[in-house]
C-alpha atoms as a PDB file:
ATOM      1  CA  MET A   1     -76.496   0.030 152.283  1.00  0.00           C
ATOM      2  CA  ILE A   2     -73.828  -2.588 153.405  1.00  0.00           C
ATOM      3  CA  THR A   3     -70.316  -2.533 152.698  1.00  0.00           C
ATOM      4  CA  VAL A   4     -68.036  -5.247 152.177  1.00  0.00           C
ATOM      5  CA  THR A   5     -64.126  -4.752 152.902  1.00  0.00           C
ATOM      6  CA  GLU A   6     -61.738  -5.640 150.078  1.00  0.00           C
ATOM      7  CA  LYS A   7     -60.494  -8.623 152.271  1.00  0.00           C
ATOM      8  CA  ALA A   8     -63.655  -9.912 152.491  1.00  0.00           C
ATOM      9  CA  ALA A   9     -64.749  -9.439 148.943  1.00  0.00           C
ATOM     10  CA  ALA A  10     -61.838 -11.329 147.818  1.00  0.00           C
ATOM     11  CA  LYS A  11     -62.629 -14.099 150.040  1.00  0.00           C
ATOM     12  CA  LEU A  12     -66.377 -14.061 148.958  1.00  0.00           C
ATOM     13  CA  LYS A  13     -65.322 -13.871 145.298  1.00  0.00           C
ATOM     14  CA  GLU A  14     -63.588 -17.023 145.537  1.00  0.00           C
ATOM     15  CA  LEU A  15     -66.148 -18.924 147.410  1.00  0.00           C
ATOM     16  CA  ILE A  16     -69.000 -17.713 145.022  1.00  0.00           C
ATOM     17  CA  ALA A  17     -67.156 -19.000 142.322  1.00  0.00           C
ATOM     18  CA  GLU A  18     -66.095 -22.137 143.643  1.00  0.00           C
ATOM     19  CA  ASP A  19     -69.672 -22.927 144.838  1.00  0.00           C
ATOM     20  CA  LYS A  20     -70.975 -21.548 141.363  1.00  0.00           C
ATOM     21  CA  LYS A  21     -73.473 -19.391 143.301  1.00  0.00           C
ATOM     22  CA  GLU A  22     -74.417 -15.717 142.422  1.00  0.00           C
ATOM     23  CA  PHE A  23     -75.358 -13.814 145.630  1.00  0.00           C
ATOM     24  CA  LEU A  24     -74.175 -13.444 149.183  1.00  0.00           C
ATOM     25  CA  ARG A  25     -77.472 -13.748 151.281  1.00  0.00           C
ATOM     26  CA  VAL A  26     -77.260 -11.784 154.527  1.00  0.00           C
ATOM     27  CA  ALA A  27     -79.977 -12.098 157.142  1.00  0.00           C
ATOM     28  CA  VAL A  28     -80.706 -11.567 160.725  1.00  0.00           C
ATOM     29  CA  LYS A  29     -82.578 -14.269 162.640  1.00  0.00           C
ATOM     30  CA  GLY A  30     -84.079 -14.423 166.262  1.00  0.00           C
ATOM     31  CA  GLY A  31     -81.995 -16.422 168.580  1.00  0.00           C
ATOM     32  CA  GLY A  32     -78.234 -16.399 169.780  1.00  0.00           C
ATOM     33  CA  CYS A  33     -76.962 -15.543 173.168  1.00  0.00           C
ATOM     34  CA  SER A  34     -77.854 -11.789 172.709  1.00  0.00           C
ATOM     35  CA  GLY A  35     -81.205 -11.904 171.043  1.00  0.00           C
ATOM     36  CA  PHE A  36     -80.495 -11.708 167.351  1.00  0.00           C
ATOM     37  CA  GLN A  37     -77.885 -13.598 165.187  1.00  0.00           C
ATOM     38  CA  TYR A  38     -76.471 -13.052 161.788  1.00  0.00           C
ATOM     39  CA  HIS A  39     -77.196 -15.520 158.984  1.00  0.00           C
ATOM     40  CA  MET A  40     -74.930 -15.571 155.783  1.00  0.00           C
ATOM     41  CA  GLU A  41     -75.005 -18.029 152.723  1.00  0.00           C
ATOM     42  CA  LEU A  42     -74.152 -18.127 148.998  1.00  0.00           C
ATOM     43  CA  THR A  43     -77.253 -18.997 146.923  1.00  0.00           C
ATOM     44  CA  SER A  44     -78.389 -18.272 143.482  1.00  0.00           C
ATOM     45  CA  GLU A  45     -81.919 -17.666 144.474  1.00  0.00           C
ATOM     46  CA  LYS A  46     -83.080 -14.280 145.040  1.00  0.00           C
ATOM     47  CA  ASP A  47     -86.620 -13.220 146.209  1.00  0.00           C
ATOM     48  CA  GLU A  48     -88.644 -10.105 144.535  1.00  0.00           C
ATOM     49  CA  ASN A  49     -88.475  -8.229 147.573  1.00  0.00           C
ATOM     50  CA  ASP A  50     -84.876  -8.707 148.403  1.00  0.00           C
ATOM     51  CA  SER A  51     -82.405  -5.620 148.313  1.00  0.00           C
ATOM     52  CA  VAL A  52     -79.342  -6.083 145.978  1.00  0.00           C
ATOM     53  CA  TYR A  53     -76.317  -4.216 146.987  1.00  0.00           C
ATOM     54  CA  GLU A  54     -72.563  -4.571 145.175  1.00  0.00           C
ATOM     55  CA  PRO A  55     -70.117  -3.584 147.232  1.00  0.00           C
ATOM     56  CA  ASN A  56     -66.756  -4.155 146.032  1.00  0.00           C
ATOM     57  CA  GLY A  57     -68.199  -6.510 143.024  1.00  0.00           C
ATOM     58  CA  VAL A  58     -70.225  -8.762 145.450  1.00  0.00           C
ATOM     59  CA  LYS A  59     -73.783  -9.035 144.910  1.00  0.00           C
ATOM     60  CA  VAL A  60     -75.241  -9.073 148.608  1.00  0.00           C
ATOM     61  CA  ILE A  61     -78.883  -9.875 148.988  1.00  0.00           C
ATOM     62  CA  ILE A  62     -80.701  -8.835 152.422  1.00  0.00           C
ATOM     63  CA  ASP A  63     -84.695  -9.494 153.054  1.00  0.00           C
ATOM     64  CA  PRO A  64     -86.813  -6.619 153.950  1.00  0.00           C
ATOM     65  CA  ILE A  65     -86.962  -7.437 157.552  1.00  0.00           C
ATOM     66  CA  SER A  66     -83.549  -8.036 158.055  1.00  0.00           C
ATOM     67  CA  ILE A  67     -81.946  -4.817 156.169  1.00  0.00           C
ATOM     68  CA  ARG A  68     -83.499  -2.382 158.781  1.00  0.00           C
ATOM     69  CA  TYR A  69     -81.026  -4.248 161.428  1.00  0.00           C
ATOM     70  CA  LEU A  70     -78.363  -4.441 159.096  1.00  0.00           C
ATOM     71  CA  LEU A  71     -78.056  -0.682 157.726  1.00  0.00           C
ATOM     72  CA  GLY A  72     -74.693   0.518 157.801  1.00  0.00           C
ATOM     73  CA  SER A  73     -73.034  -2.715 158.474  1.00  0.00           C
ATOM     74  CA  GLU A  74     -69.349  -4.101 157.210  1.00  0.00           C
ATOM     75  CA  ILE A  75     -68.667  -7.364 156.283  1.00  0.00           C
ATOM     76  CA  ASP A  76     -64.955  -8.050 156.729  1.00  0.00           C
ATOM     77  CA  TYR A  77     -62.932 -11.509 156.714  1.00  0.00           C
ATOM     78  CA  SER A  78     -59.890 -12.347 159.269  1.00  0.00           C
ATOM     79  CA  GLU A  79     -57.693 -15.157 158.668  1.00  0.00           C
ATOM     80  CA  GLU A  80     -56.601 -14.967 162.306  1.00  0.00           C
ATOM     81  CA  VAL A  81     -59.362 -17.596 163.294  1.00  0.00           C
ATOM     82  CA  VAL A  82     -58.353 -21.229 162.019  1.00  0.00           C
ATOM     83  CA  GLY A  83     -59.882 -21.652 158.752  1.00  0.00           C
ATOM     84  CA  GLY A  84     -60.916 -17.753 158.701  1.00  0.00           C
ATOM     85  CA  LYS A  85     -63.828 -16.374 159.621  1.00  0.00           C
ATOM     86  CA  PHE A  86     -66.490 -13.408 158.235  1.00  0.00           C
ATOM     87  CA  THR A  87     -67.459 -10.917 161.011  1.00  0.00           C
ATOM     88  CA  ILE A  88     -70.128  -8.129 160.789  1.00  0.00           C
ATOM     89  CA  LYS A  89     -69.376  -4.774 162.201  1.00  0.00           C
ATOM     90  CA  ASN A  90     -72.932  -3.537 162.761  1.00  0.00           C
ATOM     91  CA  PRO A  91     -73.640   0.202 163.995  1.00  0.00           C
ATOM     92  CA  GLY A  92     -77.057  -0.886 164.895  1.00  0.00           C
ATOM     93  CA  ALA A  93     -75.944  -3.236 167.912  1.00  0.00           C
ATOM     94  CA  LYS A  94     -75.968  -2.190 171.284  1.00  0.00           C
ATOM     95  CA  SER A  95     -73.767  -5.223 172.440  1.00  0.00           C
ATOM     96  CA  THR A  96     -72.741  -8.454 170.816  1.00  0.00           C
ATOM     97  CA  CYS A  97     -71.549 -11.886 172.213  1.00  0.00           C
ATOM     98  CA  GLY A  98     -68.429 -12.973 172.480  1.00  0.00           C
ATOM     99  CA  CYS A  99     -68.418 -15.063 169.409  1.00  0.00           C
ATOM    100  CA  GLY A 100     -69.614 -11.759 167.387  1.00  0.00           C
ATOM    101  CA  ASP A 101     -72.443 -13.864 165.929  1.00  0.00           C
ATOM    102  CA  SER A 102     -75.271 -12.969 167.906  1.00  0.00           C
ATOM    103  CA  PHE A 103     -76.169  -9.053 168.875  1.00  0.00           C
ATOM    104  CA  GLU A 104     -78.511  -7.037 170.998  1.00  0.00           C
ATOM    105  CA  THR A 105     -80.281  -3.830 169.186  1.00  0.00           C
ATOM    106  CA  LYS A 106     -80.048  -0.394 170.370  1.00  0.00           C
END
């Protein structure tokens, strides 16, 4: 399971409506300064093996490989950074880089 804060859900709903997309795809890819990096994109395409969650009314899709790295994670949104920024709080991360976009697993 993955959660989305109310603040992140409100911003995501706004962006999804603007872009005329259906889902937020969240994935983990190799790379970044800590070993893995998060990837988020709005899309209307869903693969048959994707897991679908709908926290706070946002349809989130995650591929079968990424889900094991993201279970229990929370997507949040902050406007403290110019232009705003989504962040992922991941209980499975042993450490994260300074920007919060990459992580190392336990």
